[in-house]
């Protein structure tokens, strides 16, 4: 079965569109995952202990001041300008 000129042109156009779409998708994926990897990196290194008053946190949860699940929407705290000492 021989393809006509119009069918060949259509096939080439579809192939070119698929290549362009793939290139843009790969570029987006690389940028997205690179940003996500740097955004989730811990600030002070992993595994460093923090001081937390567990009893106060539990009391605030019981009083309804805090919930016992992670926040759905939050942003990092803003950094304060250096203050002279």
PDB file of N, CA and C in Angstrom:
ATOM      1  N   UNK A   1       0.852  -1.174   0.000  1.00  0.00           N
ATOM      2  CA  UNK A   1       0.000   0.000   0.000  1.00  0.00           C
ATOM      3  C   UNK A   1       0.898   1.237   0.000  1.00  0.00           C
ATOM      4  N   UNK A   2       0.715   2.063  -0.973  1.00  0.00           N
ATOM      5  CA  UNK A   2       1.525   3.254  -1.134  1.00  0.00           C
ATOM      6  C   UNK A   2       0.777   4.459  -0.564  1.00  0.00           C
ATOM      7  N   UNK A   3       1.523   5.307   0.180  1.00  0.00           N
ATOM      8  CA  UNK A   3       0.910   6.491   0.770  1.00  0.00           C
ATOM      9  C   UNK A   3       0.929   7.633  -0.237  1.00  0.00           C
ATOM     10  N   UNK A   4      -0.129   8.406  -0.184  1.00  0.00           N
ATOM     11  CA  UNK A   4      -0.206   9.572  -1.068  1.00  0.00           C
ATOM     12  C   UNK A   4       0.611  10.716  -0.481  1.00  0.00           C
ATOM     13  N   UNK A   5       0.823  11.736  -1.294  1.00  0.00           N
ATOM     14  CA  UNK A   5       1.626  12.900  -0.884  1.00  0.00           C
ATOM     15  C   UNK A   5       1.026  13.581   0.348  1.00  0.00           C
ATOM     16  N   UNK A   6      -0.268  13.749   0.392  1.00  0.00           N
ATOM     17  CA  UNK A   6      -0.943  14.392   1.525  1.00  0.00           C
ATOM     18  C   UNK A   6      -0.800  13.583   2.805  1.00  0.00           C
ATOM     19  N   UNK A   7      -0.871  12.260   2.691  1.00  0.00           N
ATOM     20  CA  UNK A   7      -0.716  11.403   3.862  1.00  0.00           C
ATOM     21  C   UNK A   7       0.718  11.474   4.407  1.00  0.00           C
ATOM     22  N   UNK A   8       1.693  11.530   3.502  1.00  0.00           N
ATOM     23  CA  UNK A   8       3.087  11.642   3.926  1.00  0.00           C
ATOM     24  C   UNK A   8       3.331  12.964   4.647  1.00  0.00           C
ATOM     25  N   UNK A   9       2.761  14.037   4.113  1.00  0.00           N
ATOM     26  CA  UNK A   9       2.905  15.356   4.735  1.00  0.00           C
ATOM     27  C   UNK A   9       2.278  15.357   6.124  1.00  0.00           C
ATOM     28  N   UNK A  10       1.101  14.767   6.236  1.00  0.00           N
ATOM     29  CA  UNK A  10       0.421  14.688   7.533  1.00  0.00           C
ATOM     30  C   UNK A  10       1.243  13.875   8.527  1.00  0.00           C
ATOM     31  N   UNK A  11       1.802  12.768   8.078  1.00  0.00           N
ATOM     32  CA  UNK A  11       2.609  11.924   8.944  1.00  0.00           C
ATOM     33  C   UNK A  11       3.847  12.674   9.455  1.00  0.00           C
ATOM     34  N   UNK A  12       4.508  13.420   8.582  1.00  0.00           N
ATOM     35  CA  UNK A  12       5.678  14.197   8.975  1.00  0.00           C
ATOM     36  C   UNK A  12       5.275  15.298   9.956  1.00  0.00           C
ATOM     37  N   UNK A  13       4.153  15.966   9.705  1.00  0.00           N
ATOM     38  CA  UNK A  13       3.690  17.037  10.592  1.00  0.00           C
ATOM     39  C   UNK A  13       3.364  16.488  11.982  1.00  0.00           C
ATOM     40  N   UNK A  14       2.712  15.345  12.041  1.00  0.00           N
ATOM     41  CA  UNK A  14       2.387  14.734  13.335  1.00  0.00           C
ATOM     42  C   UNK A  14       3.665  14.342  14.074  1.00  0.00           C
ATOM     43  N   UNK A  15       4.634  13.799  13.353  1.00  0.00           N
ATOM     44  CA  UNK A  15       5.898  13.404  13.960  1.00  0.00           C
ATOM     45  C   UNK A  15       6.645  14.615  14.523  1.00  0.00           C
ATOM     46  N   UNK A  16       6.668  15.712  13.774  1.00  0.00           N
ATOM     47  CA  UNK A  16       7.340  16.934  14.236  1.00  0.00           C
ATOM     48  C   UNK A  16       6.637  17.488  15.473  1.00  0.00           C
ATOM     49  N   UNK A  17       5.308  17.507  15.454  1.00  0.00           N
ATOM     50  CA  UNK A  17       4.557  17.991  16.622  1.00  0.00           C
ATOM     51  C   UNK A  17       4.836  17.122  17.849  1.00  0.00           C
ATOM     52  N   UNK A  18       4.925  15.815  17.666  1.00  0.00           N
ATOM     53  CA  UNK A  18       5.210  14.908  18.780  1.00  0.00           C
ATOM     54  C   UNK A  18       6.604  15.179  19.348  1.00  0.00           C
ATOM     55  N   UNK A  19       7.573  15.431  18.485  1.00  0.00           N
ATOM     56  CA  UNK A  19       8.926  15.733  18.947  1.00  0.00           C
ATOM     57  C   UNK A  19       8.973  17.045  19.735  1.00  0.00           C
ATOM     58  N   UNK A  20       8.305  18.066  19.223  1.00  0.00           N
ATOM     59  CA  UNK A  20       8.294  19.362  19.906  1.00  0.00           C
ATOM     60  C   UNK A  20       7.600  19.233  21.270  1.00  0.00           C
ATOM     61  N   UNK A  21       6.466  18.549  21.293  1.00  0.00           N
ATOM     62  CA  UNK A  21       5.741  18.338  22.545  1.00  0.00           C
ATOM     63  C   UNK A  21       6.604  17.584  23.555  1.00  0.00           C
ATOM     64  N   UNK A  22       7.292  16.550  23.101  1.00  0.00           N
ATOM     65  CA  UNK A  22       8.161  15.771  23.992  1.00  0.00           C
ATOM     66  C   UNK A  22       9.303  16.622  24.543  1.00  0.00           C
ATOM     67  N   UNK A  23       9.893  17.447  23.697  1.00  0.00           N
ATOM     68  CA  UNK A  23      11.000  18.297  24.137  1.00  0.00           C
ATOM     69  C   UNK A  23      10.534  19.279  25.211  1.00  0.00           C
ATOM     70  N   UNK A  24       9.382  19.921  24.995  1.00  0.00           N
ATOM     71  CA  UNK A  24       8.859  20.864  25.987  1.00  0.00           C
ATOM     72  C   UNK A  24       8.483  20.145  27.282  1.00  0.00           C
ATOM     73  N   UNK A  25       7.916  18.951  27.171  1.00  0.00           N
ATOM     74  CA  UNK A  25       7.529  18.201  28.365  1.00  0.00           C
ATOM     75  C   UNK A  25       8.750  17.815  29.183  1.00  0.00           C
ATOM     76  N   UNK A  26       9.797  17.341  28.529  1.00  0.00           N
ATOM     77  CA  UNK A  26      11.012  16.970  29.244  1.00  0.00           C
ATOM     78  C   UNK A  26      11.665  18.177  29.898  1.00  0.00           C
ATOM     79  N   UNK A  27      11.683  19.303  29.205  1.00  0.00           N
ATOM     80  CA  UNK A  27      12.274  20.516  29.773  1.00  0.00           C
ATOM     81  C   UNK A  27      11.488  20.953  31.006  1.00  0.00           C
ATOM     82  N   UNK A  28      10.167  20.940  30.920  1.00  0.00           N
ATOM     83  CA  UNK A  28       9.334  21.326  32.057  1.00  0.00           C
ATOM     84  C   UNK A  28       9.557  20.375  33.230  1.00  0.00           C
ATOM     85  N   UNK A  29       9.609  19.078  32.946  1.00  0.00           N
ATOM     86  CA  UNK A  29       9.776  18.094  34.014  1.00  0.00           C
ATOM     87  C   UNK A  29      11.118  18.285  34.709  1.00  0.00           C
ATOM     88  N   UNK A  30      12.174  18.534  33.962  1.00  0.00           N
ATOM     89  CA  UNK A  30      13.485  18.733  34.564  1.00  0.00           C
ATOM     90  C   UNK A  30      13.482  19.972  35.457  1.00  0.00           C
ATOM     91  N   UNK A  31      12.904  21.069  34.998  1.00  0.00           N
ATOM     92  CA  UNK A  31      12.856  22.295  35.797  1.00  0.00           C
ATOM     93  C   UNK A  31      11.992  22.094  37.037  1.00  0.00           C
ATOM     94  N   UNK A  32      10.847  21.435  36.852  1.00  0.00           N
ATOM     95  CA  UNK A  32       9.910  21.235  37.961  1.00  0.00           C
ATOM     96  C   UNK A  32      10.539  20.386  39.058  1.00  0.00           C
ATOM     97  N   UNK A  33      11.150  19.263  38.686  1.00  0.00           N
ATOM     98  CA  UNK A  33      11.717  18.384  39.697  1.00  0.00           C
ATOM     99  C   UNK A  33      12.981  18.965  40.304  1.00  0.00           C
ATOM    100  N   UNK A  34      13.735  19.757  39.551  1.00  0.00           N
ATOM    101  CA  UNK A  34      14.924  20.403  40.116  1.00  0.00           C
ATOM    102  C   UNK A  34      14.506  21.436  41.154  1.00  0.00           C
ATOM    103  N   UNK A  35      13.471  22.231  40.867  1.00  0.00           N
ATOM    104  CA  UNK A  35      12.986  23.222  41.832  1.00  0.00           C
ATOM    105  C   UNK A  35      12.397  22.540  43.051  1.00  0.00           C
ATOM    106  N   UNK A  36      11.688  21.466  42.841  1.00  0.00           N
ATOM    107  CA  UNK A  36      11.058  20.762  43.948  1.00  0.00           C
ATOM    108  C   UNK A  36      12.115  20.143  44.867  1.00  0.00           C
ATOM    109  N   UNK A  37      13.188  19.625  44.280  1.00  0.00           N
ATOM    110  CA  UNK A  37      14.239  19.008  45.088  1.00  0.00           C
ATOM    111  C   UNK A  37      14.943  20.055  45.953  1.00  0.00           C
ATOM    112  N   UNK A  38      15.177  21.253  45.414  1.00  0.00           N
ATOM    113  CA  UNK A  38      15.839  22.282  46.207  1.00  0.00           C
ATOM    114  C   UNK A  38      14.878  22.891  47.221  1.00  0.00           C
ATOM    115  N   UNK A  39      13.600  22.944  46.907  1.00  0.00           N
ATOM    116  CA  UNK A  39      12.629  23.547  47.817  1.00  0.00           C
ATOM    117  C   UNK A  39      12.387  22.669  49.037  1.00  0.00           C
ATOM    118  N   UNK A  40      12.541  21.356  48.894  1.00  0.00           N
ATOM    119  CA  UNK A  40      12.265  20.471  50.012  1.00  0.00           C
ATOM    120  C   UNK A  40      13.513  20.127  50.807  1.00  0.00           C
ATOM    121  N   UNK A  41      14.648  20.680  50.435  1.00  0.00           N
ATOM    122  CA  UNK A  41      15.877  20.399  51.180  1.00  0.00           C
ATOM    123  C   UNK A  41      15.805  21.079  52.546  1.00  0.00           C
ATOM    124  N   UNK A  42      16.162  20.363  53.598  1.00  0.00           N
ATOM    125  CA  UNK A  42      16.098  20.967  54.929  1.00  0.00           C
ATOM    126  C   UNK A  42      17.115  22.089  55.083  1.00  0.00           C
ATOM    127  N   UNK A  43      16.744  23.098  55.851  1.00  0.00           N
ATOM    128  CA  UNK A  43      17.579  24.287  55.966  1.00  0.00           C
ATOM    129  C   UNK A  43      18.868  24.015  56.727  1.00  0.00           C
ATOM    130  N   UNK A  44      18.805  23.331  57.831  1.00  0.00           N
ATOM    131  CA  UNK A  44      19.988  23.154  58.646  1.00  0.00           C
ATOM    132  C   UNK A  44      20.589  21.768  58.542  1.00  0.00           C
ATOM    133  N   UNK A  45      20.203  21.005  57.596  1.00  0.00           N
ATOM    134  CA  UNK A  45      20.671  19.633  57.498  1.00  0.00           C
ATOM    135  C   UNK A  45      19.662  18.697  58.136  1.00  0.00           C
ATOM    136  N   UNK A  46      19.620  17.509  57.656  1.00  0.00           N
ATOM    137  CA  UNK A  46      18.629  16.545  58.137  1.00  0.00           C
ATOM    138  C   UNK A  46      19.064  15.947  59.464  1.00  0.00           C
ATOM    139  N   UNK A  47      18.094  15.613  60.266  1.00  0.00           N
ATOM    140  CA  UNK A  47      18.364  14.891  61.487  1.00  0.00           C
ATOM    141  C   UNK A  47      18.833  15.717  62.664  1.00  0.00           C
ATOM    142  N   UNK A  48      18.737  17.024  62.591  1.00  0.00           N
ATOM    143  CA  UNK A  48      19.147  17.838  63.729  1.00  0.00           C
ATOM    144  C   UNK A  48      17.966  17.997  64.681  1.00  0.00           C
ATOM    145  N   UNK A  49      18.175  17.727  65.964  1.00  0.00           N
ATOM    146  CA  UNK A  49      17.061  17.821  66.914  1.00  0.00           C
ATOM    147  C   UNK A  49      16.635  19.270  67.144  1.00  0.00           C
ATOM    148  N   UNK A  50      15.357  19.425  67.468  1.00  0.00           N
ATOM    149  CA  UNK A  50      14.830  20.750  67.793  1.00  0.00           C
ATOM    150  C   UNK A  50      14.264  20.698  69.207  1.00  0.00           C
ATOM    151  N   UNK A  51      14.319  21.813  69.883  1.00  0.00           N
ATOM    152  CA  UNK A  51      13.727  21.909  71.210  1.00  0.00           C
ATOM    153  C   UNK A  51      12.240  22.194  71.049  1.00  0.00           C
ATOM    154  N   UNK A  52      11.418  21.359  71.662  1.00  0.00           N
ATOM    155  CA  UNK A  52       9.977  21.564  71.609  1.00  0.00           C
ATOM    156  C   UNK A  52       9.392  21.176  72.966  1.00  0.00           C
ATOM    157  N   UNK A  53       8.486  21.989  73.441  1.00  0.00           N
ATOM    158  CA  UNK A  53       7.804  21.706  74.704  1.00  0.00           C
ATOM    159  C   UNK A  53       6.587  20.840  74.385  1.00  0.00           C
ATOM    160  N   UNK A  54       6.779  19.529  74.458  1.00  0.00           N
ATOM    161  CA  UNK A  54       5.747  18.578  74.048  1.00  0.00           C
ATOM    162  C   UNK A  54       4.492  18.724  74.902  1.00  0.00           C
ATOM    163  N   UNK A  55       4.653  18.925  76.189  1.00  0.00           N
ATOM    164  CA  UNK A  55       3.483  19.052  77.063  1.00  0.00           C
ATOM    165  C   UNK A  55       2.642  20.275  76.687  1.00  0.00           C
ATOM    166  N   UNK A  56       3.283  21.387  76.364  1.00  0.00           N
ATOM    167  CA  UNK A  56       2.546  22.584  75.951  1.00  0.00           C
ATOM    168  C   UNK A  56       1.821  22.327  74.633  1.00  0.00           C
ATOM    169  N   UNK A  57       2.472  21.660  73.717  1.00  0.00           N
ATOM    170  CA  UNK A  57       1.842  21.357  72.422  1.00  0.00           C
ATOM    171  C   UNK A  57       0.633  20.451  72.625  1.00  0.00           C
ATOM    172  N   UNK A  58       0.763  19.416  73.454  1.00  0.00           N
ATOM    173  CA  UNK A  58      -0.365  18.510  73.719  1.00  0.00           C
ATOM    174  C   UNK A  58      -1.521  19.256  74.390  1.00  0.00           C
ATOM    175  N   UNK A  59      -1.178  20.148  75.330  1.00  0.00           N
ATOM    176  CA  UNK A  59      -2.219  20.933  76.015  1.00  0.00           C
ATOM    177  C   UNK A  59      -2.973  21.822  75.020  1.00  0.00           C
ATOM    178  N   UNK A  60      -2.232  22.462  74.106  1.00  0.00           N
ATOM    179  CA  UNK A  60      -2.874  23.330  73.114  1.00  0.00           C
ATOM    180  C   UNK A  60      -3.750  22.517  72.157  1.00  0.00           C
ATOM    181  N   UNK A  61      -3.348  21.298  71.845  1.00  0.00           N
ATOM    182  CA  UNK A  61      -4.182  20.437  70.995  1.00  0.00           C
ATOM    183  C   UNK A  61      -5.470  20.089  71.730  1.00  0.00           C
ATOM    184  N   UNK A  62      -5.364  19.711  73.018  1.00  0.00           N
ATOM    185  CA  UNK A  62      -6.561  19.375  73.798  1.00  0.00           C
ATOM    186  C   UNK A  62      -7.509  20.567  73.915  1.00  0.00           C
ATOM    187  N   UNK A  63      -6.954  21.775  74.040  1.00  0.00           N
ATOM    188  CA  UNK A  63      -7.783  22.974  74.175  1.00  0.00           C
ATOM    189  C   UNK A  63      -8.359  23.432  72.842  1.00  0.00           C
ATOM    190  N   UNK A  64      -7.931  22.848  71.754  1.00  0.00           N
ATOM    191  CA  UNK A  64      -8.436  23.226  70.438  1.00  0.00           C
ATOM    192  C   UNK A  64      -7.679  24.384  69.810  1.00  0.00           C
ATOM    193  N   UNK A  65      -6.597  24.806  70.435  1.00  0.00           N
ATOM    194  CA  UNK A  65      -5.799  25.901  69.887  1.00  0.00           C
ATOM    195  C   UNK A  65      -4.947  25.434  68.709  1.00  0.00           C
ATOM    196  N   UNK A  66      -4.551  24.161  68.733  1.00  0.00           N
ATOM    197  CA  UNK A  66      -3.778  23.562  67.652  1.00  0.00           C
ATOM    198  C   UNK A  66      -4.500  22.309  67.176  1.00  0.00           C
ATOM    199  N   UNK A  67      -4.302  21.954  65.934  1.00  0.00           N
ATOM    200  CA  UNK A  67      -4.844  20.695  65.451  1.00  0.00           C
ATOM    201  C   UNK A  67      -3.730  19.653  65.459  1.00  0.00           C
ATOM    202  N   UNK A  68      -4.121  18.385  65.392  1.00  0.00           N
ATOM    203  CA  UNK A  68      -3.113  17.332  65.424  1.00  0.00           C
ATOM    204  C   UNK A  68      -2.777  16.819  64.023  1.00  0.00           C
ATOM    205  N   UNK A  69      -3.006  17.645  63.007  1.00  0.00           N
ATOM    206  CA  UNK A  69      -2.621  17.263  61.644  1.00  0.00           C
ATOM    207  C   UNK A  69      -1.843  18.391  60.989  1.00  0.00           C
ATOM    208  N   UNK A  70      -1.106  18.029  59.946  1.00  0.00           N
ATOM    209  CA  UNK A  70      -0.268  19.009  59.255  1.00  0.00           C
ATOM    210  C   UNK A  70      -1.132  20.044  58.539  1.00  0.00           C
ATOM    211  N   UNK A  71      -0.633  21.253  58.461  1.00  0.00           N
ATOM    212  CA  UNK A  71      -1.361  22.335  57.798  1.00  0.00           C
ATOM    213  C   UNK A  71      -1.528  22.024  56.315  1.00  0.00           C
ATOM    214  N   UNK A  72      -2.681  22.406  55.764  1.00  0.00           N
ATOM    215  CA  UNK A  72      -2.911  22.203  54.340  1.00  0.00           C
ATOM    216  C   UNK A  72      -2.229  23.280  53.508  1.00  0.00           C
ATOM    217  N   UNK A  73      -2.229  24.505  53.998  1.00  0.00           N
ATOM    218  CA  UNK A  73      -1.640  25.618  53.269  1.00  0.00           C
ATOM    219  C   UNK A  73      -0.753  26.409  54.220  1.00  0.00           C
ATOM    220  N   UNK A  74       0.507  26.472  53.902  1.00  0.00           N
ATOM    221  CA  UNK A  74       1.409  27.267  54.730  1.00  0.00           C
ATOM    222  C   UNK A  74       2.597  27.697  53.890  1.00  0.00           C
ATOM    223  N   UNK A  75       3.251  28.720  54.350  1.00  0.00           N
ATOM    224  CA  UNK A  75       4.452  29.208  53.670  1.00  0.00           C
ATOM    225  C   UNK A  75       5.555  29.333  54.714  1.00  0.00           C
ATOM    226  N   UNK A  76       6.790  29.297  54.284  1.00  0.00           N
ATOM    227  CA  UNK A  76       7.881  29.459  55.253  1.00  0.00           C
ATOM    228  C   UNK A  76       7.809  30.839  55.922  1.00  0.00           C
ATOM    229  N   UNK A  77       8.262  30.902  57.135  1.00  0.00           N
ATOM    230  CA  UNK A  77       8.278  32.167  57.859  1.00  0.00           C
ATOM    231  C   UNK A  77       9.247  33.140  57.179  1.00  0.00           C
ATOM    232  N   UNK A  78       8.902  34.406  57.123  1.00  0.00           N
ATOM    233  CA  UNK A  78       9.810  35.363  56.484  1.00  0.00           C
ATOM    234  C   UNK A  78      11.075  35.523  57.321  1.00  0.00           C
ATOM    235  N   UNK A  79      12.158  35.760  56.631  1.00  0.00           N
ATOM    236  CA  UNK A  79      13.422  35.985  57.345  1.00  0.00           C
ATOM    237  C   UNK A  79      13.459  37.426  57.837  1.00  0.00           C
ATOM    238  N   UNK A  80      13.933  37.609  59.029  1.00  0.00           N
ATOM    239  CA  UNK A  80      14.014  38.943  59.611  1.00  0.00           C
ATOM    240  C   UNK A  80      15.347  39.565  59.250  1.00  0.00           C
ATOM    241  N   UNK A  81      15.383  40.866  59.073  1.00  0.00           N
ATOM    242  CA  UNK A  81      16.669  41.506  58.779  1.00  0.00           C
ATOM    243  C   UNK A  81      17.590  41.398  59.985  1.00  0.00           C
ATOM    244  N   UNK A  82      18.875  41.368  59.703  1.00  0.00           N
ATOM    245  CA  UNK A  82      19.859  41.286  60.783  1.00  0.00           C
ATOM    246  C   UNK A  82      19.753  42.516  61.670  1.00  0.00           C
ATOM    247  N   UNK A  83      19.687  42.275  62.958  1.00  0.00           N
ATOM    248  CA  UNK A  83      19.605  43.393  63.903  1.00  0.00           C
ATOM    249  C   UNK A  83      20.959  43.522  64.599  1.00  0.00           C
ATOM    250  N   UNK A  84      21.429  44.743  64.773  1.00  0.00           N
ATOM    251  CA  UNK A  84      22.715  44.928  65.459  1.00  0.00           C
ATOM    252  C   UNK A  84      22.595  44.549  66.924  1.00  0.00           C
ATOM    253  N   UNK A  85      23.645  43.995  67.460  1.00  0.00           N
ATOM    254  CA  UNK A  85      23.621  43.571  68.868  1.00  0.00           C
ATOM    255  C   UNK A  85      24.437  44.477  69.714  1.00  0.00           C
TER     256      UNK A  85
END
